[in-house]
């Protein structure tokens, strides 16, 4: 978003909090899924896991290229190595989400369990 919208023209720094991620979700009808044999479900799950790994690698490579491009445009990136406190950031955001959207708590817990 920063590169595509030339936000570097009005923003000089980026904190690398990792709070924005693209997710490729796969939805399968539960009845159809349960109608498959265990070997079929295992094969589909393996393909999806393998593709998720490839997708993550592509995203990380793409992000690295964009960071270099934006550095070339004069932007500064702040990371944990520079003192960015990701734990404090996450705690603050999670506290606000819990306050504003209490019904999201089970979903947030599921997401955090993936990390």
N, C-alpha and C. Protein backbone atom coordinates (compact mmCIF):
# COMPACT_ATOMS: atom_id res chain seq x y z
N UNK A 1 0.82 -1.19 0.00
CA UNK A 1 0.00 0.00 0.00
C UNK A 1 0.86 1.26 0.00
N UNK A 2 1.95 1.21 0.76
CA UNK A 2 2.81 2.39 0.84
C UNK A 2 3.43 2.69 -0.52
N UNK A 3 3.96 1.66 -1.17
CA UNK A 3 4.60 1.87 -2.47
C UNK A 3 3.58 2.22 -3.54
N UNK A 4 2.48 1.47 -3.59
CA UNK A 4 1.48 1.66 -4.64
C UNK A 4 0.84 3.04 -4.57
N UNK A 5 0.72 3.58 -3.37
CA UNK A 5 0.08 4.89 -3.20
C UNK A 5 1.08 6.02 -2.97
N UNK A 6 2.36 5.73 -3.17
CA UNK A 6 3.41 6.74 -3.00
C UNK A 6 3.34 7.44 -1.65
N UNK A 7 3.02 6.69 -0.61
CA UNK A 7 2.94 7.30 0.72
C UNK A 7 4.29 7.79 1.20
N UNK A 8 5.35 7.33 0.56
CA UNK A 8 6.69 7.81 0.91
C UNK A 8 6.81 9.32 0.68
N UNK A 9 5.89 9.88 -0.09
CA UNK A 9 5.90 11.32 -0.33
C UNK A 9 5.44 12.10 0.90
N UNK A 10 4.69 11.45 1.79
CA UNK A 10 4.16 12.13 2.98
C UNK A 10 4.52 11.42 4.29
N UNK A 11 5.21 10.30 4.18
CA UNK A 11 5.57 9.49 5.35
C UNK A 11 7.03 9.11 5.23
N UNK A 12 7.81 9.39 6.26
CA UNK A 12 9.24 9.12 6.17
C UNK A 12 9.67 7.82 6.86
N UNK A 13 8.87 7.33 7.82
CA UNK A 13 9.25 6.17 8.60
C UNK A 13 8.17 5.09 8.58
N UNK A 14 8.60 3.85 8.70
CA UNK A 14 7.68 2.71 8.80
C UNK A 14 8.14 1.84 9.96
N UNK A 15 7.23 1.56 10.89
CA UNK A 15 7.51 0.63 11.97
C UNK A 15 7.08 -0.76 11.50
N UNK A 16 8.01 -1.69 11.51
CA UNK A 16 7.75 -3.04 11.00
C UNK A 16 7.09 -3.90 12.07
N UNK A 17 5.81 -3.62 12.33
CA UNK A 17 5.06 -4.31 13.37
C UNK A 17 4.50 -5.64 12.91
N UNK A 18 4.42 -5.85 11.60
CA UNK A 18 3.88 -7.11 11.09
C UNK A 18 2.39 -7.26 11.35
N UNK A 19 1.68 -6.17 11.55
CA UNK A 19 0.26 -6.28 11.89
C UNK A 19 -0.65 -6.42 10.67
N UNK A 20 -0.11 -6.28 9.50
CA UNK A 20 -0.90 -6.46 8.28
C UNK A 20 -0.38 -7.68 7.54
N UNK A 21 -1.26 -8.63 7.32
CA UNK A 21 -0.89 -9.83 6.60
C UNK A 21 -1.99 -10.18 5.62
N UNK A 22 -1.59 -10.64 4.46
CA UNK A 22 -2.56 -11.15 3.49
C UNK A 22 -2.78 -12.63 3.81
N UNK A 23 -4.01 -13.03 3.80
CA UNK A 23 -4.34 -14.41 4.13
C UNK A 23 -5.09 -15.02 2.96
N UNK A 24 -4.65 -16.19 2.56
CA UNK A 24 -5.35 -16.94 1.53
C UNK A 24 -6.13 -18.03 2.24
N UNK A 25 -7.42 -17.85 2.30
CA UNK A 25 -8.27 -18.81 3.01
C UNK A 25 -8.88 -19.80 2.02
N UNK A 26 -8.99 -21.03 2.47
CA UNK A 26 -9.63 -22.08 1.67
C UNK A 26 -10.83 -22.56 2.47
N UNK A 27 -11.98 -22.53 1.84
CA UNK A 27 -13.21 -22.96 2.49
C UNK A 27 -13.73 -24.21 1.80
N UNK A 28 -14.11 -25.18 2.62
CA UNK A 28 -14.66 -26.42 2.09
C UNK A 28 -15.94 -26.72 2.84
N UNK A 29 -16.96 -27.07 2.10
CA UNK A 29 -18.23 -27.46 2.70
C UNK A 29 -17.98 -28.62 3.67
N UNK A 30 -18.45 -28.48 4.90
CA UNK A 30 -18.20 -29.49 5.94
C UNK A 30 -18.74 -30.87 5.54
N UNK A 31 -19.89 -30.90 4.93
CA UNK A 31 -20.47 -32.18 4.53
C UNK A 31 -19.60 -32.86 3.47
N UNK A 32 -19.14 -32.07 2.52
CA UNK A 32 -18.26 -32.62 1.47
C UNK A 32 -16.96 -33.10 2.10
N UNK A 33 -16.37 -32.26 3.00
CA UNK A 33 -15.11 -32.62 3.66
C UNK A 33 -15.24 -33.94 4.41
N UNK A 34 -16.32 -34.08 5.16
CA UNK A 34 -16.53 -35.31 5.93
C UNK A 34 -16.83 -36.50 5.03
N UNK A 35 -17.30 -36.21 3.82
CA UNK A 35 -17.58 -37.29 2.86
C UNK A 35 -16.32 -37.83 2.20
N UNK A 36 -15.21 -37.13 2.34
CA UNK A 36 -13.94 -37.60 1.77
C UNK A 36 -13.32 -38.62 2.71
N UNK A 37 -12.53 -39.50 2.13
CA UNK A 37 -11.80 -40.46 2.94
C UNK A 37 -10.66 -39.76 3.68
N UNK A 38 -10.19 -40.38 4.75
CA UNK A 38 -9.09 -39.81 5.54
C UNK A 38 -7.86 -39.57 4.68
N UNK A 39 -7.57 -40.50 3.76
CA UNK A 39 -6.41 -40.34 2.87
C UNK A 39 -6.60 -39.15 1.93
N UNK A 40 -7.82 -38.92 1.48
CA UNK A 40 -8.09 -37.77 0.62
C UNK A 40 -7.93 -36.47 1.39
N UNK A 41 -8.48 -36.41 2.61
CA UNK A 41 -8.33 -35.21 3.43
C UNK A 41 -6.87 -34.93 3.74
N UNK A 42 -6.12 -36.00 4.03
CA UNK A 42 -4.70 -35.84 4.33
C UNK A 42 -3.95 -35.31 3.11
N UNK A 43 -4.28 -35.81 1.93
CA UNK A 43 -3.61 -35.37 0.70
C UNK A 43 -3.93 -33.89 0.43
N UNK A 44 -5.18 -33.52 0.58
CA UNK A 44 -5.58 -32.12 0.36
C UNK A 44 -4.89 -31.22 1.38
N UNK A 45 -4.88 -31.64 2.63
CA UNK A 45 -4.24 -30.85 3.68
C UNK A 45 -2.76 -30.66 3.40
N UNK A 46 -2.08 -31.71 2.93
CA UNK A 46 -0.65 -31.61 2.62
C UNK A 46 -0.41 -30.60 1.49
N UNK A 47 -1.21 -30.67 0.45
CA UNK A 47 -1.06 -29.73 -0.67
C UNK A 47 -1.28 -28.30 -0.17
N UNK A 48 -2.31 -28.09 0.64
CA UNK A 48 -2.59 -26.75 1.15
C UNK A 48 -1.46 -26.25 2.05
N UNK A 49 -0.93 -27.13 2.90
CA UNK A 49 0.20 -26.74 3.76
C UNK A 49 1.42 -26.38 2.93
N UNK A 50 1.71 -27.20 1.90
CA UNK A 50 2.86 -26.93 1.03
C UNK A 50 2.70 -25.60 0.30
N UNK A 51 1.51 -25.36 -0.21
CA UNK A 51 1.26 -24.11 -0.94
C UNK A 51 1.29 -22.91 0.01
N UNK A 52 0.83 -23.10 1.24
CA UNK A 52 0.90 -22.02 2.23
C UNK A 52 2.35 -21.64 2.50
N UNK A 53 3.21 -22.63 2.59
CA UNK A 53 4.64 -22.37 2.81
C UNK A 53 5.22 -21.58 1.64
N UNK A 54 4.89 -21.99 0.42
CA UNK A 54 5.37 -21.27 -0.77
C UNK A 54 4.83 -19.84 -0.79
N UNK A 55 3.56 -19.70 -0.45
CA UNK A 55 2.93 -18.38 -0.45
C UNK A 55 3.60 -17.45 0.57
N UNK A 56 3.88 -17.99 1.75
CA UNK A 56 4.56 -17.20 2.77
C UNK A 56 5.95 -16.77 2.30
N UNK A 57 6.68 -17.68 1.68
CA UNK A 57 8.01 -17.35 1.18
C UNK A 57 7.92 -16.25 0.12
N UNK A 58 6.96 -16.37 -0.80
CA UNK A 58 6.80 -15.34 -1.82
C UNK A 58 6.46 -14.00 -1.20
N UNK A 59 5.60 -14.01 -0.18
CA UNK A 59 5.22 -12.76 0.48
C UNK A 59 6.43 -12.12 1.17
N UNK A 60 7.24 -12.94 1.83
CA UNK A 60 8.42 -12.41 2.51
C UNK A 60 9.42 -11.85 1.51
N UNK A 61 9.60 -12.53 0.40
CA UNK A 61 10.51 -12.03 -0.63
C UNK A 61 9.99 -10.72 -1.23
N UNK A 62 8.68 -10.68 -1.47
CA UNK A 62 8.07 -9.46 -2.01
C UNK A 62 8.20 -8.30 -1.06
N UNK A 63 8.00 -8.57 0.25
CA UNK A 63 8.14 -7.51 1.24
C UNK A 63 9.57 -7.00 1.28
N UNK A 64 10.53 -7.90 1.22
CA UNK A 64 11.94 -7.48 1.25
C UNK A 64 12.27 -6.58 0.05
N UNK A 65 11.74 -6.92 -1.12
CA UNK A 65 11.97 -6.09 -2.31
C UNK A 65 11.32 -4.71 -2.15
N UNK A 66 10.11 -4.70 -1.59
CA UNK A 66 9.44 -3.41 -1.39
C UNK A 66 10.17 -2.55 -0.37
N UNK A 67 10.69 -3.17 0.68
CA UNK A 67 11.45 -2.41 1.67
C UNK A 67 12.66 -1.76 1.00
N UNK A 68 13.37 -2.52 0.19
CA UNK A 68 14.54 -1.96 -0.50
C UNK A 68 14.14 -0.84 -1.46
N UNK A 69 13.03 -1.04 -2.17
CA UNK A 69 12.55 0.00 -3.08
C UNK A 69 12.22 1.28 -2.32
N UNK A 70 11.52 1.13 -1.20
CA UNK A 70 11.11 2.30 -0.42
C UNK A 70 12.29 2.95 0.29
N UNK A 71 13.28 2.16 0.68
CA UNK A 71 14.50 2.76 1.22
C UNK A 71 15.15 3.63 0.15
N UNK A 72 15.10 3.17 -1.09
CA UNK A 72 15.64 3.94 -2.21
C UNK A 72 14.88 5.25 -2.42
N UNK A 73 13.64 5.28 -1.96
CA UNK A 73 12.83 6.50 -2.06
C UNK A 73 13.01 7.37 -0.81
N UNK A 74 13.91 6.95 0.09
CA UNK A 74 14.22 7.77 1.26
C UNK A 74 13.53 7.38 2.55
N UNK A 75 12.80 6.29 2.56
CA UNK A 75 12.09 5.90 3.78
C UNK A 75 13.03 5.19 4.75
N UNK A 76 12.71 5.31 6.03
CA UNK A 76 13.45 4.64 7.10
C UNK A 76 12.55 3.58 7.72
N UNK A 77 13.08 2.38 7.91
CA UNK A 77 12.32 1.27 8.48
C UNK A 77 12.83 0.98 9.88
N UNK A 78 11.90 0.92 10.82
CA UNK A 78 12.22 0.66 12.22
C UNK A 78 11.84 -0.78 12.54
N UNK A 79 12.81 -1.55 13.03
CA UNK A 79 12.59 -2.96 13.36
C UNK A 79 12.91 -3.20 14.84
N UNK A 80 12.74 -4.43 15.27
CA UNK A 80 13.11 -4.77 16.64
C UNK A 80 14.58 -4.48 16.90
N UNK A 81 15.42 -4.68 15.89
CA UNK A 81 16.84 -4.40 16.04
C UNK A 81 17.10 -2.92 16.32
N UNK A 82 16.17 -2.08 15.91
CA UNK A 82 16.28 -0.64 16.14
C UNK A 82 15.60 -0.20 17.43
N UNK A 83 15.04 -1.17 18.17
CA UNK A 83 14.38 -0.85 19.44
C UNK A 83 12.86 -0.91 19.40
N UNK A 84 12.29 -1.32 18.29
CA UNK A 84 10.84 -1.44 18.20
C UNK A 84 10.38 -2.54 19.17
N UNK A 85 9.49 -2.20 20.07
CA UNK A 85 9.01 -3.14 21.09
C UNK A 85 7.72 -3.80 20.59
N UNK A 86 7.87 -4.92 19.88
CA UNK A 86 6.71 -5.60 19.32
C UNK A 86 5.79 -6.16 20.40
N UNK A 87 6.36 -6.59 21.50
CA UNK A 87 5.52 -7.13 22.59
C UNK A 87 4.60 -6.04 23.12
N UNK A 88 5.13 -4.87 23.37
CA UNK A 88 4.31 -3.76 23.86
C UNK A 88 3.25 -3.37 22.83
N UNK A 89 3.63 -3.35 21.57
CA UNK A 89 2.69 -3.02 20.49
C UNK A 89 1.54 -4.01 20.48
N UNK A 90 1.88 -5.30 20.48
CA UNK A 90 0.84 -6.35 20.44
C UNK A 90 -0.06 -6.31 21.66
N UNK A 91 0.53 -6.10 22.82
CA UNK A 91 -0.28 -6.03 24.05
C UNK A 91 -1.26 -4.87 23.98
N UNK A 92 -0.81 -3.73 23.51
CA UNK A 92 -1.67 -2.55 23.40
C UNK A 92 -2.80 -2.79 22.40
N UNK A 93 -2.46 -3.34 21.25
CA UNK A 93 -3.48 -3.61 20.23
C UNK A 93 -4.47 -4.65 20.73
N UNK A 94 -3.98 -5.73 21.34
CA UNK A 94 -4.87 -6.77 21.85
C UNK A 94 -5.81 -6.25 22.93
N UNK A 95 -5.31 -5.37 23.77
CA UNK A 95 -6.14 -4.76 24.81
C UNK A 95 -7.27 -3.95 24.18
N UNK A 96 -6.93 -3.19 23.15
CA UNK A 96 -7.95 -2.37 22.48
C UNK A 96 -8.97 -3.24 21.75
N UNK A 97 -8.51 -4.29 21.10
CA UNK A 97 -9.43 -5.20 20.40
C UNK A 97 -10.38 -5.85 21.41
N UNK A 98 -9.83 -6.32 22.54
CA UNK A 98 -10.66 -6.95 23.57
C UNK A 98 -11.72 -5.98 24.10
N UNK A 99 -11.35 -4.71 24.20
CA UNK A 99 -12.28 -3.69 24.69
C UNK A 99 -13.36 -3.39 23.64
N UNK A 100 -12.94 -3.21 22.40
CA UNK A 100 -13.87 -2.79 21.35
C UNK A 100 -14.68 -3.95 20.75
N UNK A 101 -14.07 -5.13 20.73
CA UNK A 101 -14.70 -6.28 20.08
C UNK A 101 -14.57 -7.53 20.96
N UNK A 102 -15.24 -7.57 22.10
CA UNK A 102 -15.08 -8.69 23.02
C UNK A 102 -15.47 -10.04 22.42
N UNK A 103 -16.37 -10.04 21.46
CA UNK A 103 -16.77 -11.31 20.85
C UNK A 103 -15.67 -11.90 19.96
N UNK A 104 -14.64 -11.11 19.64
CA UNK A 104 -13.53 -11.60 18.81
C UNK A 104 -12.52 -12.43 19.60
N UNK A 105 -12.62 -12.44 20.92
CA UNK A 105 -11.61 -13.09 21.76
C UNK A 105 -11.31 -14.52 21.32
N UNK A 106 -12.31 -15.39 21.08
CA UNK A 106 -11.98 -16.76 20.65
C UNK A 106 -11.24 -16.80 19.31
N UNK A 107 -11.60 -15.89 18.40
CA UNK A 107 -10.93 -15.86 17.10
C UNK A 107 -9.47 -15.40 17.25
N UNK A 108 -9.26 -14.39 18.07
CA UNK A 108 -7.90 -13.89 18.31
C UNK A 108 -7.05 -15.00 18.93
N UNK A 109 -7.62 -15.73 19.86
CA UNK A 109 -6.88 -16.83 20.50
C UNK A 109 -6.50 -17.90 19.48
N UNK A 110 -7.39 -18.20 18.54
CA UNK A 110 -7.08 -19.17 17.48
C UNK A 110 -5.93 -18.66 16.61
N UNK A 111 -5.98 -17.41 16.25
CA UNK A 111 -4.93 -16.82 15.41
C UNK A 111 -3.60 -16.86 16.14
N UNK A 112 -3.59 -16.46 17.41
CA UNK A 112 -2.35 -16.45 18.17
C UNK A 112 -1.78 -17.84 18.35
N UNK A 113 -2.61 -18.85 18.40
CA UNK A 113 -2.14 -20.23 18.56
C UNK A 113 -1.36 -20.70 17.32
N UNK A 114 -1.63 -20.08 16.17
CA UNK A 114 -0.94 -20.46 14.93
C UNK A 114 0.51 -20.01 14.96
N UNK A 115 0.78 -18.87 15.58
CA UNK A 115 2.14 -18.34 15.62
C UNK A 115 3.03 -19.34 16.26
